[in-house]
Amino acid sequence: MAVPKRKVSPSRRNMRRSHHALGANSYVEDKETGELKRPHHIDLKTGMYKGRQVITQKAD
């Protein structure tokens, strides 16, 4: 069984984790409404995705 030869120091452990941080979400402007939305996501207000209707709106 593989066993580490020496204890990993906190500095080296933290250096390894330096790439684990989350980045900020990206947003694009919607062409029709001008609102900001996530790329490759369905617009929940209109139900549109890539120029076609994906979700039908509920009748109130």
C-alpha atoms as a PDB file:
ATOM      1  CA  MET A   1       0.000   0.000   0.000  1.00  0.00           C
ATOM      2  CA  ALA A   2       1.318   3.448  -0.893  1.00  0.00           C
ATOM      3  CA  VAL A   3       2.091   5.656   2.083  1.00  0.00           C
ATOM      4  CA  PRO A   4       3.389   9.242   1.957  1.00  0.00           C
ATOM      5  CA  LYS A   5       7.038   9.453   2.988  1.00  0.00           C
ATOM      6  CA  ARG A   6       6.650  12.863   4.671  1.00  0.00           C
ATOM      7  CA  LYS A   7       3.861  15.061   5.967  1.00  0.00           C
ATOM      8  CA  VAL A   8       2.601  17.584   3.436  1.00  0.00           C
ATOM      9  CA  SER A   9       3.183  21.044   4.855  1.00  0.00           C
ATOM     10  CA  PRO A  10       0.265  23.510   5.078  1.00  0.00           C
ATOM     11  CA  SER A  11       2.003  25.776   2.569  1.00  0.00           C
ATOM     12  CA  ARG A  12       2.270  23.042  -0.048  1.00  0.00           C
ATOM     13  CA  ARG A  13      -1.289  21.879   0.648  1.00  0.00           C
ATOM     14  CA  ASN A  14      -2.592  25.426   0.144  1.00  0.00           C
ATOM     15  CA  MET A  15      -0.558  25.855  -3.037  1.00  0.00           C
ATOM     16  CA  ARG A  16      -2.243  22.761  -4.438  1.00  0.00           C
ATOM     17  CA  ARG A  17      -5.646  24.210  -3.579  1.00  0.00           C
ATOM     18  CA  SER A  18      -4.931  27.559  -5.237  1.00  0.00           C
ATOM     19  CA  HIS A  19      -6.850  26.486  -8.370  1.00  0.00           C
ATOM     20  CA  HIS A  20      -9.961  25.387  -6.464  1.00  0.00           C
ATOM     21  CA  ALA A  21     -11.503  28.864  -6.145  1.00  0.00           C
ATOM     22  CA  LEU A  22     -14.756  29.526  -7.970  1.00  0.00           C
ATOM     23  CA  GLY A  23     -14.758  32.137 -10.698  1.00  0.00           C
ATOM     24  CA  ALA A  24     -17.379  34.794 -11.251  1.00  0.00           C
ATOM     25  CA  ASN A  25     -20.411  33.825 -13.347  1.00  0.00           C
ATOM     26  CA  SER A  26     -20.470  35.129 -16.894  1.00  0.00           C
ATOM     27  CA  TYR A  27     -23.524  36.887 -18.302  1.00  0.00           C
ATOM     28  CA  VAL A  28     -24.484  37.899 -21.826  1.00  0.00           C
ATOM     29  CA  GLU A  29     -27.048  40.427 -22.972  1.00  0.00           C
ATOM     30  CA  ASP A  30     -30.215  38.936 -24.461  1.00  0.00           C
ATOM     31  CA  LYS A  31     -30.742  40.081 -28.052  1.00  0.00           C
ATOM     32  CA  GLU A  32     -34.524  40.492 -27.814  1.00  0.00           C
ATOM     33  CA  THR A  33     -35.047  41.875 -24.306  1.00  0.00           C
ATOM     34  CA  GLY A  34     -31.635  43.371 -23.523  1.00  0.00           C
ATOM     35  CA  GLU A  35     -31.568  41.678 -20.102  1.00  0.00           C
ATOM     36  CA  LEU A  36     -28.534  39.879 -18.755  1.00  0.00           C
ATOM     37  CA  LYS A  37     -28.727  36.081 -18.817  1.00  0.00           C
ATOM     38  CA  ARG A  38     -26.402  33.114 -18.426  1.00  0.00           C
ATOM     39  CA  PRO A  39     -25.035  31.742 -21.707  1.00  0.00           C
ATOM     40  CA  HIS A  40     -26.494  28.367 -22.802  1.00  0.00           C
ATOM     41  CA  HIS A  41     -29.416  28.657 -20.374  1.00  0.00           C
ATOM     42  CA  ILE A  42     -33.150  28.899 -21.024  1.00  0.00           C
ATOM     43  CA  ASP A  43     -34.724  32.318 -20.449  1.00  0.00           C
ATOM     44  CA  LEU A  44     -37.332  31.453 -17.816  1.00  0.00           C
ATOM     45  CA  LYS A  45     -39.433  34.583 -18.418  1.00  0.00           C
ATOM     46  CA  THR A  46     -40.023  33.937 -22.117  1.00  0.00           C
ATOM     47  CA  GLY A  47     -39.186  30.211 -22.353  1.00  0.00           C
ATOM     48  CA  MET A  48     -36.901  30.808 -25.332  1.00  0.00           C
ATOM     49  CA  TYR A  49     -33.602  29.062 -26.067  1.00  0.00           C
ATOM     50  CA  LYS A  50     -31.548  29.645 -29.222  1.00  0.00           C
ATOM     51  CA  GLY A  51     -34.390  31.514 -30.878  1.00  0.00           C
ATOM     52  CA  ARG A  52     -37.073  28.848 -30.386  1.00  0.00           C
ATOM     53  CA  GLN A  53     -39.809  28.287 -27.822  1.00  0.00           C
ATOM     54  CA  VAL A  54     -38.770  25.524 -25.384  1.00  0.00           C
ATOM     55  CA  ILE A  55     -41.055  26.086 -22.391  1.00  0.00           C
ATOM     56  CA  THR A  56     -44.706  26.996 -22.788  1.00  0.00           C
ATOM     57  CA  GLN A  57     -46.008  29.808 -20.603  1.00  0.00           C
ATOM     58  CA  LYS A  58     -48.647  29.039 -17.975  1.00  0.00           C
ATOM     59  CA  ALA A  59     -52.031  30.720 -18.417  1.00  0.00           C
ATOM     60  CA  ASP A  60     -52.838  32.818 -15.328  1.00  0.00           C
END
